[in-house]
Amino acid sequence: MRLHEAVTGSEDFPCPQETMAAIADLIDRGECENVYDENEMGACDNGFECSVCGCRVEDEEHYHVSGEWNFCPKCGKRVRPKNE
């Protein structure tokens, strides 16, 4: 029941499948693409825009040292590299 509450935020434990699905989502995040257009007027050189949730970041706060966006800062999906 504690695991269910930690994962779903709910104290109610009506359905263990909900807990297992939430844990599976943490393990298999899914993928998205960076659809940010750096050629857009006023855009920065290292921006990010998620193809799934639309999260848009135009600063280096979430930008990794490697110079790539590895995960979306909002939905947590793995960002598919542009060469894949």
C-alpha atoms as a PDB file:
ATOM      1  CA  MET A   1       0.000   0.000   0.000  1.00  0.00           C
ATOM      2  CA  ARG A   2       2.927   2.375   0.703  1.00  0.00           C
ATOM      3  CA  LEU A   3       4.394   1.663  -2.725  1.00  0.00           C
ATOM      4  CA  HIS A   4       1.013   2.391  -4.329  1.00  0.00           C
ATOM      5  CA  GLU A   5       0.762   5.714  -2.491  1.00  0.00           C
ATOM      6  CA  ALA A   6       4.336   6.705  -3.408  1.00  0.00           C
ATOM      7  CA  VAL A   7       3.867   5.895  -7.091  1.00  0.00           C
ATOM      8  CA  THR A   8       0.311   7.108  -7.704  1.00  0.00           C
ATOM      9  CA  GLY A   9      -0.095   9.752  -4.981  1.00  0.00           C
ATOM     10  CA  SER A  10      -3.312   8.117  -3.829  1.00  0.00           C
ATOM     11  CA  GLU A  11      -3.941   6.521  -0.439  1.00  0.00           C
ATOM     12  CA  ASP A  12      -6.790   4.485  -1.900  1.00  0.00           C
ATOM     13  CA  PHE A  13      -5.716   1.000  -3.007  1.00  0.00           C
ATOM     14  CA  PRO A  14      -8.615  -0.212  -5.168  1.00  0.00           C
ATOM     15  CA  CYS A  15      -6.600  -1.661  -8.037  1.00  0.00           C
ATOM     16  CA  PRO A  16      -3.091  -3.180  -7.844  1.00  0.00           C
ATOM     17  CA  GLN A  17      -2.897  -3.057 -11.663  1.00  0.00           C
ATOM     18  CA  GLU A  18      -2.778   0.753 -11.429  1.00  0.00           C
ATOM     19  CA  THR A  19       0.309   0.520  -9.220  1.00  0.00           C
ATOM     20  CA  MET A  20       2.019  -1.931 -11.560  1.00  0.00           C
ATOM     21  CA  ALA A  21       1.231   0.235 -14.612  1.00  0.00           C
ATOM     22  CA  ALA A  22       2.686   3.317 -12.877  1.00  0.00           C
ATOM     23  CA  ILE A  23       5.867   1.400 -12.012  1.00  0.00           C
ATOM     24  CA  ALA A  24       6.132   0.129 -15.601  1.00  0.00           C
ATOM     25  CA  ASP A  25       5.850   3.730 -16.841  1.00  0.00           C
ATOM     26  CA  LEU A  26       8.803   4.655 -14.643  1.00  0.00           C
ATOM     27  CA  ILE A  27      10.868   1.835 -16.130  1.00  0.00           C
ATOM     28  CA  ASP A  28       9.815   2.220 -19.780  1.00  0.00           C
ATOM     29  CA  ARG A  29       9.423   5.952 -20.306  1.00  0.00           C
ATOM     30  CA  GLY A  30       8.870   5.843 -24.044  1.00  0.00           C
ATOM     31  CA  GLU A  31      10.493   8.163 -26.549  1.00  0.00           C
ATOM     32  CA  CYS A  32       9.999  11.599 -28.024  1.00  0.00           C
ATOM     33  CA  GLU A  33      11.846  13.806 -30.486  1.00  0.00           C
ATOM     34  CA  ASN A  34      13.308  17.270 -30.138  1.00  0.00           C
ATOM     35  CA  VAL A  35      11.273  19.266 -32.663  1.00  0.00           C
ATOM     36  CA  TYR A  36      12.721  22.627 -31.615  1.00  0.00           C
ATOM     37  CA  ASP A  37      13.428  24.931 -34.573  1.00  0.00           C
ATOM     38  CA  GLU A  38      16.612  26.881 -33.834  1.00  0.00           C
ATOM     39  CA  ASN A  39      16.051  28.832 -37.071  1.00  0.00           C
ATOM     40  CA  GLU A  40      12.863  30.368 -35.641  1.00  0.00           C
ATOM     41  CA  MET A  41      13.068  34.116 -34.960  1.00  0.00           C
ATOM     42  CA  GLY A  42      14.563  34.686 -31.497  1.00  0.00           C
ATOM     43  CA  ALA A  43      15.321  31.010 -30.856  1.00  0.00           C
ATOM     44  CA  CYS A  44      18.461  29.953 -28.999  1.00  0.00           C
ATOM     45  CA  ASP A  45      21.047  27.481 -30.275  1.00  0.00           C
ATOM     46  CA  ASN A  46      20.349  24.687 -27.792  1.00  0.00           C
ATOM     47  CA  GLY A  47      16.604  24.761 -27.201  1.00  0.00           C
ATOM     48  CA  PHE A  48      14.291  21.817 -26.709  1.00  0.00           C
ATOM     49  CA  GLU A  49      10.668  21.157 -27.677  1.00  0.00           C
ATOM     50  CA  CYS A  50       9.107  17.766 -26.932  1.00  0.00           C
ATOM     51  CA  SER A  51       7.172  16.114 -29.764  1.00  0.00           C
ATOM     52  CA  VAL A  52       4.885  14.403 -27.210  1.00  0.00           C
ATOM     53  CA  CYS A  53       3.977  16.899 -24.470  1.00  0.00           C
ATOM     54  CA  GLY A  54       5.031  20.167 -26.152  1.00  0.00           C
ATOM     55  CA  CYS A  55       7.394  21.173 -23.340  1.00  0.00           C
ATOM     56  CA  ARG A  56       9.604  24.004 -24.621  1.00  0.00           C
ATOM     57  CA  VAL A  57      12.851  25.022 -22.921  1.00  0.00           C
ATOM     58  CA  GLU A  58      15.032  27.814 -24.270  1.00  0.00           C
ATOM     59  CA  ASP A  59      17.837  27.932 -21.739  1.00  0.00           C
ATOM     60  CA  GLU A  60      20.666  25.791 -20.452  1.00  0.00           C
ATOM     61  CA  GLU A  61      19.043  24.898 -17.126  1.00  0.00           C
ATOM     62  CA  HIS A  62      18.146  21.343 -18.218  1.00  0.00           C
ATOM     63  CA  TYR A  63      20.788  21.041 -20.928  1.00  0.00           C
ATOM     64  CA  HIS A  64      23.216  18.203 -20.221  1.00  0.00           C
ATOM     65  CA  VAL A  65      26.995  18.538 -20.221  1.00  0.00           C
ATOM     66  CA  SER A  66      27.121  16.177 -23.192  1.00  0.00           C
ATOM     67  CA  GLY A  67      25.389  18.792 -25.333  1.00  0.00           C
ATOM     68  CA  GLU A  68      22.328  16.614 -25.913  1.00  0.00           C
ATOM     69  CA  TRP A  69      18.844  16.474 -24.484  1.00  0.00           C
ATOM     70  CA  ASN A  70      18.594  12.963 -23.013  1.00  0.00           C
ATOM     71  CA  PHE A  71      15.152  13.233 -21.361  1.00  0.00           C
ATOM     72  CA  CYS A  72      12.261  15.686 -21.619  1.00  0.00           C
ATOM     73  CA  PRO A  73      12.251  17.827 -18.443  1.00  0.00           C
ATOM     74  CA  LYS A  74       8.424  17.689 -18.268  1.00  0.00           C
ATOM     75  CA  CYS A  75       7.171  14.222 -19.309  1.00  0.00           C
ATOM     76  CA  GLY A  76      10.466  12.357 -18.761  1.00  0.00           C
ATOM     77  CA  LYS A  77      10.417  10.527 -22.098  1.00  0.00           C
ATOM     78  CA  ARG A  78      13.793   9.599 -23.600  1.00  0.00           C
ATOM     79  CA  VAL A  79      14.715  11.946 -26.427  1.00  0.00           C
ATOM     80  CA  ARG A  80      15.529   9.963 -29.551  1.00  0.00           C
ATOM     81  CA  PRO A  81      18.824  11.153 -31.052  1.00  0.00           C
ATOM     82  CA  LYS A  82      18.388  12.911 -34.405  1.00  0.00           C
ATOM     83  CA  ASN A  83      20.447  10.291 -36.243  1.00  0.00           C
ATOM     84  CA  GLU A  84      18.154   7.376 -35.260  1.00  0.00           C
END
